[in-house]
């Protein structure tokens, strides 16, 4: 079946909660994907920062197949080998010594929410129930994660939200200082607001957040769902600032497309969630953990994080050049291979996205007006040139 026949079936059987492009992707290799009509695209979206090692990587495919043949699920009534190995590997690469595995970034952020409240409860400080998050943040769509998300458009029709969340302007130290107090359980920030428009947190802002949390007894929590696993040219995005959190949410690139999320915590939080206080049926699934272990091995063997730093810097240069020559664009943003260009007022981002897709390149929208580039970390300079050239053609044709 081709695109249209499959889409007709989808329209009869799917809920209409997604805005989906009129193509059905059926296979991929490296940074290329193909639709059901056989047309090939350069994937500069990467599953929205998920496909970290490229489509169809043979080591990842082999790891998933071998683990599926061995055992696919155990439940968390028992230990499983792959989850143990993955936790040990992540502890070597991060400031975190303990891990909880789940299935997605939203679940990882829900876990942070519960961890922050329960940590203070266990210490007898029961007034500390508030979480502070930033305007334009995005932490997921489950009710707790949605309540943490600082974008009212996602709240419409979903209220009442979970109480006890306060939002402040991003990158505003004064606003942060004014809101953290004896009631604050934790402060949740993204090193780069991906869904909020690819806005980078300043080093000074993150350092101030760390200092304020230490002074006032709150936990500092990072959402590294989009910035983690090499996406910014470091294993975790916080490394650019040197500011480490007490706990962190991970997902997206963690298993390069196999559903997996994680929460990492420092040793002082080891008893924050006693037995029975939190769980996930599929969390730490052996197949997903085997995939993540393969991703880490590929990172090491192929030096993909180094590639991300080099090629990501090149992408940044190309986007700056693009903006300089295009009245339809306002600025280039981002770090590593999490980048975007902001459209000028009055430009239609969905029209721009469709026009670039017609040129054979897949991008995504971040925030209200940013064309986002999040290709696999194996992307080459030549592929960057190809992707940017497609946007240049669209701009030249006046389609943005």
Protein backbone atom coordinates (compact mmCIF):
# COMPACT_ATOMS: atom_id res chain seq x y z
CA UNK A 1 0.00 0.00 0.00
CA UNK A 2 1.10 3.55 -0.69
CA UNK A 3 0.88 6.70 1.41
CA UNK A 4 -2.68 7.65 0.60
CA UNK A 5 -4.19 4.20 1.09
CA UNK A 6 -2.49 3.83 4.45
CA UNK A 7 -3.49 7.34 5.53
CA UNK A 8 -7.11 6.64 4.64
CA UNK A 9 -7.03 3.64 6.96
CA UNK A 10 -5.35 5.71 9.66
CA UNK A 11 -8.06 8.37 9.46
CA UNK A 12 -10.69 5.71 10.07
CA UNK A 13 -8.91 4.19 13.04
CA UNK A 14 -6.77 6.85 14.79
CA UNK A 15 -7.83 9.55 17.17
CA UNK A 16 -7.32 12.95 15.59
CA UNK A 17 -4.95 14.24 18.29
CA UNK A 18 -1.88 14.57 16.04
CA UNK A 19 -1.04 17.00 13.27
CA UNK A 20 0.69 14.55 10.94
CA UNK A 21 2.36 15.09 7.59
CA UNK A 22 0.71 13.26 4.66
CA UNK A 23 3.42 10.61 4.37
CA UNK A 24 3.89 7.17 5.95
CA UNK A 25 7.50 6.40 6.83
CA UNK A 26 8.30 2.73 6.36
CA UNK A 27 12.09 2.32 6.51
CA UNK A 28 15.30 4.14 7.23
CA UNK A 29 19.07 3.88 7.17
CA UNK A 30 21.47 6.33 8.78
CA UNK A 31 20.03 9.81 8.26
CA UNK A 32 17.68 8.76 5.44
CA UNK A 33 14.08 7.55 5.61
CA UNK A 34 11.68 6.36 2.93
CA UNK A 35 7.90 6.67 2.70
CA UNK A 36 5.34 4.14 1.47
CA UNK A 37 5.45 5.62 -2.04
CA UNK A 38 9.21 5.01 -2.17
CA UNK A 39 10.29 8.64 -1.84
CA UNK A 40 13.43 9.23 0.21
CA UNK A 41 13.94 12.06 2.71
CA UNK A 42 16.90 13.43 4.62
CA UNK A 43 15.81 13.09 8.24
CA UNK A 44 16.85 16.29 10.01
CA UNK A 45 14.13 15.67 12.59
CA UNK A 46 15.42 12.35 13.89
CA UNK A 47 12.16 11.42 15.57
CA UNK A 48 12.40 14.76 17.44
CA UNK A 49 15.89 14.17 18.88
CA UNK A 50 15.28 10.45 19.41
CA UNK A 51 17.27 8.69 16.68
CA UNK A 52 20.70 9.16 18.22
CA UNK A 53 22.75 6.56 16.30
CA UNK A 54 20.89 6.67 13.00
CA UNK A 55 18.15 4.51 11.53
CA UNK A 56 18.76 0.79 11.27
CA UNK A 57 22.17 0.72 12.92
CA UNK A 58 23.26 -2.94 12.68
CA UNK A 59 24.67 -3.09 16.23
CA UNK A 60 21.43 -1.75 17.67
CA UNK A 61 19.32 -4.07 15.53
CA UNK A 62 21.42 -7.04 16.61
CA UNK A 63 21.25 -6.12 20.31
CA UNK A 64 17.44 -5.82 20.19
CA UNK A 65 17.00 -9.09 18.29
CA UNK A 66 19.37 -11.05 20.52
CA UNK A 67 17.72 -9.78 23.70
CA UNK A 68 14.21 -10.40 22.37
CA UNK A 69 15.21 -13.99 21.65
CA UNK A 70 16.60 -14.36 25.17
CA UNK A 71 13.90 -12.73 27.36
CA UNK A 72 11.61 -9.80 26.62
CA UNK A 73 10.12 -8.99 30.02
CA UNK A 74 10.55 -9.88 33.68
CA UNK A 75 8.47 -7.30 35.64
CA UNK A 76 10.08 -5.38 38.44
CA UNK A 77 9.28 -8.12 40.93
CA UNK A 78 12.67 -9.43 39.81
CA UNK A 79 16.00 -7.98 38.72
CA UNK A 80 17.00 -8.20 35.09
CA UNK A 81 20.55 -8.25 33.81
CA UNK A 82 20.30 -5.57 31.14
CA UNK A 83 18.76 -2.97 33.46
CA UNK A 84 21.53 -3.61 36.01
CA UNK A 85 24.20 -3.22 33.34
CA UNK A 86 22.63 -0.03 32.00
CA UNK A 87 22.37 1.59 35.43
CA UNK A 88 26.05 0.81 36.05
CA UNK A 89 27.05 2.31 32.69
CA UNK A 90 25.02 5.47 33.26
CA UNK A 91 26.54 5.89 36.72
CA UNK A 92 30.00 5.90 35.09
CA UNK A 93 29.03 8.65 32.66
CA UNK A 94 26.98 11.00 34.86
CA UNK A 95 26.96 12.55 38.35
CA UNK A 96 24.11 10.20 39.29
CA UNK A 97 24.63 7.02 41.24
CA UNK A 98 21.07 5.60 41.26
CA UNK A 99 18.54 5.14 38.45
CA UNK A 100 14.86 4.44 37.99
CA UNK A 101 13.79 3.24 34.55
CA UNK A 102 10.46 4.02 32.90
CA UNK A 103 9.19 4.36 29.32
CA UNK A 104 9.22 8.02 28.31
CA UNK A 105 10.28 11.54 29.12
CA UNK A 106 6.89 12.40 30.58
CA UNK A 107 7.17 9.46 32.97
CA UNK A 108 10.69 10.48 33.92
CA UNK A 109 9.46 13.98 34.78
CA UNK A 110 6.49 12.56 36.71
CA UNK A 111 9.10 10.62 38.67
CA UNK A 112 11.03 13.81 39.43
CA UNK A 113 7.82 15.46 40.65
CA UNK A 114 7.07 12.61 43.03
CA UNK A 115 10.70 12.25 44.12
CA UNK A 116 10.95 15.91 45.11
CA UNK A 117 7.84 15.83 47.26
CA UNK A 118 8.53 12.46 48.85
CA UNK A 119 12.17 13.35 49.65
CA UNK A 120 11.08 16.24 51.87
CA UNK A 121 8.19 14.22 53.30
CA UNK A 122 10.63 11.51 54.40
CA UNK A 123 12.75 14.18 56.10
CA UNK A 124 9.74 15.52 58.01
CA UNK A 125 9.58 18.75 55.99
CA UNK A 126 6.00 18.26 54.83
CA UNK A 127 5.40 21.87 53.85
CA UNK A 128 7.77 21.51 50.90
CA UNK A 129 5.32 20.48 48.20
CA UNK A 130 5.78 23.15 45.52
CA UNK A 131 7.66 22.71 42.28
CA UNK A 132 9.05 25.68 40.38
CA UNK A 133 9.31 25.43 36.59
CA UNK A 134 9.87 27.91 33.77
CA UNK A 135 7.58 29.62 31.31
CA UNK A 136 7.84 28.01 27.84
CA UNK A 137 9.09 24.77 29.38
CA UNK A 138 7.82 21.43 28.16
CA UNK A 139 7.94 18.39 30.43
CA UNK A 140 5.32 16.05 28.97
CA UNK A 141 1.59 15.49 28.63
CA UNK A 142 0.66 13.27 31.58
CA UNK A 143 -1.12 15.29 34.25
CA UNK A 144 1.87 15.86 36.52
CA UNK A 145 4.24 16.59 33.64
CA UNK A 146 1.60 18.77 31.99
CA UNK A 147 1.22 20.76 35.20
CA UNK A 148 4.98 21.35 35.19
CA UNK A 149 4.88 22.45 31.55
CA UNK A 150 4.92 26.23 31.28
CA UNK A 151 2.87 26.59 28.09
CA UNK A 152 -0.84 27.40 28.66
CA UNK A 153 -1.83 26.16 25.19
CA UNK A 154 -1.26 22.60 26.40
CA UNK A 155 -3.39 23.21 29.51
CA UNK A 156 -6.56 24.22 27.69
CA UNK A 157 -9.41 21.86 28.45
CA UNK A 158 -7.24 19.80 30.79
CA UNK A 159 -7.74 21.78 33.98
CA UNK A 160 -7.71 21.53 36.93
CA UNK A 161 -4.01 20.73 36.82
CA UNK A 162 -2.01 19.22 39.66
CA UNK A 163 -1.70 21.99 42.27
CA UNK A 164 1.55 23.17 43.78
CA UNK A 165 3.42 24.27 40.63
CA UNK A 166 4.68 27.81 40.07
CA UNK A 167 6.06 29.14 36.79
CA UNK A 168 8.62 31.90 36.35
CA UNK A 169 10.27 33.52 33.32
CA UNK A 170 13.12 31.46 31.86
CA UNK A 171 16.67 32.77 32.26
CA UNK A 172 15.46 35.33 34.84
CA UNK A 173 17.52 34.97 38.03
CA UNK A 174 15.57 37.64 39.92
CA UNK A 175 12.26 35.90 39.26
CA UNK A 176 13.72 32.58 40.39
CA UNK A 177 15.11 34.09 43.58
CA UNK A 178 11.74 35.61 44.41
CA UNK A 179 9.82 32.34 44.27
CA UNK A 180 12.08 29.74 45.96
CA UNK A 181 11.21 29.51 49.63
CA UNK A 182 10.42 27.19 52.56
CA UNK A 183 7.58 25.65 50.55
CA UNK A 184 9.74 24.75 47.53
CA UNK A 185 10.44 21.05 47.06
CA UNK A 186 12.34 21.44 43.81
CA UNK A 187 13.18 23.59 40.81
CA UNK A 188 12.87 21.88 37.41
CA UNK A 189 14.74 23.37 34.45
CA UNK A 190 15.81 22.37 30.94
CA UNK A 191 19.40 23.23 29.94
CA UNK A 192 17.85 24.03 26.56
CA UNK A 193 14.11 24.48 26.18
CA UNK A 194 13.57 22.25 23.17
CA UNK A 195 9.80 22.37 22.70
CA UNK A 196 9.79 25.94 23.99
CA UNK A 197 11.70 27.18 20.95
CA UNK A 198 15.30 25.94 21.35
CA UNK A 199 16.15 28.55 23.99
CA UNK A 200 19.47 27.98 25.77
CA UNK A 201 19.73 28.50 29.53
CA UNK A 202 22.67 30.76 30.35
CA UNK A 203 25.47 29.37 32.50
CA UNK A 204 24.83 32.18 34.98
CA UNK A 205 21.17 31.21 35.27
CA UNK A 206 21.91 27.57 35.98
CA UNK A 207 24.64 28.48 38.49
CA UNK A 208 22.25 30.84 40.25
CA UNK A 209 19.60 28.10 40.36
CA UNK A 210 22.10 25.70 41.94
CA UNK A 211 23.15 28.27 44.53
CA UNK A 212 19.58 29.26 45.41
CA UNK A 213 18.48 25.64 45.81
CA UNK A 214 21.45 24.89 48.07
CA UNK A 215 20.85 27.98 50.18
CA UNK A 216 17.11 27.42 50.57
CA UNK A 217 16.92 23.65 50.88
CA UNK A 218 15.23 22.82 47.57
CA UNK A 219 16.28 20.18 45.05
CA UNK A 220 17.60 21.21 41.66
CA UNK A 221 16.12 19.01 38.94
CA UNK A 222 17.07 18.96 35.26
CA UNK A 223 14.89 17.79 32.40
CA UNK A 224 17.50 16.39 30.00
CA UNK A 225 14.97 14.47 27.95
CA UNK A 226 15.90 16.38 24.81
CA UNK A 227 19.40 17.58 25.74
CA UNK A 228 20.74 14.28 27.09
CA UNK A 229 22.53 11.39 25.39
CA UNK A 230 24.96 13.46 23.39
CA UNK A 231 22.50 15.82 21.73
CA UNK A 232 24.38 19.03 22.64
CA UNK A 233 27.91 17.70 22.06
CA UNK A 234 28.27 16.53 25.65
CA UNK A 235 26.79 13.38 27.18
CA UNK A 236 24.40 15.56 29.20
CA UNK A 237 23.55 19.15 28.44
CA UNK A 238 24.40 20.42 31.93
CA UNK A 239 28.10 19.76 31.24
CA UNK A 240 28.45 22.99 29.26
CA UNK A 241 27.73 24.99 32.44
CA UNK A 242 29.32 22.63 34.96
CA UNK A 243 26.15 22.82 37.06
CA UNK A 244 24.97 19.37 38.15
CA UNK A 245 21.44 18.69 39.39
CA UNK A 246 20.30 16.51 42.29
CA UNK A 247 18.17 14.48 39.90
CA UNK A 248 17.62 14.34 36.18
CA UNK A 249 15.11 13.06 33.62
CA UNK A 250 16.36 11.21 30.52
CA UNK A 251 14.62 9.73 27.48
CA UNK A 252 14.49 10.40 23.71
CA UNK A 253 18.00 9.49 22.50
CA UNK A 254 18.58 7.00 25.33
CA UNK A 255 17.74 3.97 23.15
CA UNK A 256 17.60 5.54 19.67
CA UNK A 257 13.92 4.84 19.09
CA UNK A 258 13.12 1.99 21.48
CA UNK A 259 10.82 3.36 24.24
CA UNK A 260 12.82 4.02 27.41
CA UNK A 261 13.11 6.75 30.00
CA UNK A 262 15.13 7.14 33.16
CA UNK A 263 15.49 9.23 36.28
CA UNK A 264 18.99 9.55 37.71
CA UNK A 265 19.59 10.78 41.27
CA UNK A 266 22.59 11.59 43.42
CA UNK A 267 23.40 9.41 46.41
CA UNK A 268 21.73 11.64 48.99
CA UNK A 269 18.38 10.81 47.37
CA UNK A 270 18.79 7.04 47.55
CA UNK A 271 15.98 6.70 50.12
CA UNK A 272 13.69 9.36 48.65
CA UNK A 273 11.30 6.80 47.12
CA UNK A 274 10.93 3.87 49.57
CA UNK A 275 9.63 0.50 48.33
CA UNK A 276 6.07 0.77 47.03
CA UNK A 277 6.07 4.54 46.46
CA UNK A 278 6.75 4.46 42.73
CA UNK A 279 6.87 1.84 39.96
CA UNK A 280 6.55 1.12 36.24
CA UNK A 281 5.37 -2.17 34.75
CA UNK A 282 7.57 -1.91 31.66
CA UNK A 283 10.29 0.27 33.19
CA UNK A 284 13.75 -1.22 32.72
CA UNK A 285 12.47 -3.64 30.08
CA UNK A 286 15.38 -5.92 29.06
CA UNK A 287 14.97 -5.23 25.34
CA UNK A 288 14.90 -1.45 25.80
CA UNK A 289 17.89 -1.58 28.15
CA UNK A 290 19.80 -3.76 25.69
CA UNK A 291 19.12 -1.13 23.05
CA UNK A 292 20.43 1.62 25.31
CA UNK A 293 23.58 -0.37 26.09
CA UNK A 294 24.11 -0.74 22.34
CA UNK A 295 23.68 3.02 21.90
CA UNK A 296 26.38 3.67 24.51
CA UNK A 297 28.71 1.22 22.79
CA UNK A 298 28.08 2.88 19.42
CA UNK A 299 28.74 6.29 20.97
CA UNK A 300 32.13 5.03 22.13
CA UNK A 301 33.08 3.05 19.02
CA UNK A 302 32.08 5.72 16.53
CA UNK A 303 32.79 8.81 18.67
CA UNK A 304 29.32 10.13 17.93
CA UNK A 305 29.32 12.73 20.70
CA UNK A 306 32.52 14.20 19.27
CA UNK A 307 30.87 14.17 15.85
CA UNK A 308 27.86 15.94 17.33
CA UNK A 309 30.08 18.67 18.75
CA UNK A 310 31.95 19.22 15.47
CA UNK A 311 29.08 18.87 13.02
CA UNK A 312 26.72 20.65 15.41
CA UNK A 313 29.06 23.66 15.47
CA UNK A 314 29.07 23.58 11.67
CA UNK A 315 25.27 23.46 11.61
CA UNK A 316 25.24 26.48 13.94
CA UNK A 317 27.50 28.40 11.55
CA UNK A 318 25.35 27.50 8.55
CA UNK A 319 22.18 28.60 10.33
CA UNK A 320 23.72 31.94 11.31
CA UNK A 321 24.63 32.47 7.64
CA UNK A 322 21.12 31.44 6.63
CA UNK A 323 19.52 33.99 8.96
CA UNK A 324 21.84 36.77 7.83
CA UNK A 325 20.60 36.42 4.26
CA UNK A 326 16.90 35.85 4.89
CA UNK A 327 14.40 38.52 6.00
CA UNK A 328 11.96 35.71 6.80
CA UNK A 329 14.23 34.56 9.65
CA UNK A 330 15.05 36.36 12.90
CA UNK A 331 17.75 34.35 14.65
CA UNK A 332 19.59 31.04 14.95
CA UNK A 333 19.45 29.22 18.28
CA UNK A 334 20.71 26.13 20.01
CA UNK A 335 23.75 24.00 20.70
CA UNK A 336 25.22 20.82 19.24
CA UNK A 337 22.63 19.08 17.10
CA UNK A 338 19.69 20.71 18.87
CA UNK A 339 19.32 23.84 16.73
CA UNK A 340 16.68 26.03 15.18
CA UNK A 341 15.94 29.17 13.21
CA UNK A 342 13.19 31.50 14.37
CA UNK A 343 10.74 32.77 11.78
CA UNK A 344 9.85 36.44 11.54
CA UNK A 345 6.35 37.53 12.65
CA UNK A 346 3.64 36.73 10.16
CA UNK A 347 5.42 33.69 8.71
CA UNK A 348 3.57 30.38 8.81
CA UNK A 349 5.73 27.64 10.39
CA UNK A 350 3.51 24.81 9.16
CA UNK A 351 3.72 26.10 5.59
CA UNK A 352 7.49 26.35 5.94
CA UNK A 353 7.68 22.80 7.29
CA UNK A 354 5.62 21.45 4.38
CA UNK A 355 7.68 23.36 1.83
CA UNK A 356 10.95 21.99 3.19
CA UNK A 357 9.47 18.49 3.19
CA UNK A 358 8.62 18.90 -0.50
CA UNK A 359 12.34 19.57 -0.98
CA UNK A 360 13.04 16.14 0.54
CA UNK A 361 14.06 17.19 4.04
CA UNK A 362 12.22 16.53 7.33
CA UNK A 363 12.29 19.13 10.12
CA UNK A 364 10.01 19.86 13.08
CA UNK A 365 8.53 22.92 14.78
CA UNK A 366 9.64 24.04 18.24
CA UNK A 367 7.66 26.59 20.20
CA UNK A 368 5.45 28.77 18.06
CA UNK A 369 7.86 29.82 15.34
CA UNK A 370 11.14 27.87 15.23
CA UNK A 371 12.20 25.42 12.52
CA UNK A 372 14.10 22.78 14.50
CA UNK A 373 17.03 20.64 13.35
CA UNK A 374 17.65 17.47 15.40
CA UNK A 375 19.27 14.95 13.05
CA UNK A 376 20.86 11.69 14.18
CA UNK A 377 24.25 12.24 15.82
CA UNK A 378 25.94 10.42 12.92
CA UNK A 379 24.97 13.19 10.48
CA UNK A 380 27.73 14.47 8.19
CA UNK A 381 28.70 17.96 7.09
CA UNK A 382 27.53 17.08 3.58
CA UNK A 383 24.10 16.13 4.94
CA UNK A 384 23.98 19.38 6.93
CA UNK A 385 24.70 21.26 3.71
CA UNK A 386 21.94 19.34 1.98
CA UNK A 387 19.43 20.14 4.71
CA UNK A 388 20.30 23.83 4.90
CA UNK A 389 20.23 24.09 1.10
CA UNK A 390 16.64 22.84 1.11
CA UNK A 391 15.64 25.64 3.48
CA UNK A 392 17.54 28.12 1.33
CA UNK A 393 15.56 27.04 -1.73
CA UNK A 394 12.28 27.43 0.12
CA UNK A 395 13.29 30.92 1.26
CA UNK A 396 14.37 31.88 -2.25
CA UNK A 397 11.01 30.75 -3.64
CA UNK A 398 9.16 32.89 -1.08
CA UNK A 399 7.41 29.87 0.41
CA UNK A 400 8.06 30.94 4.03
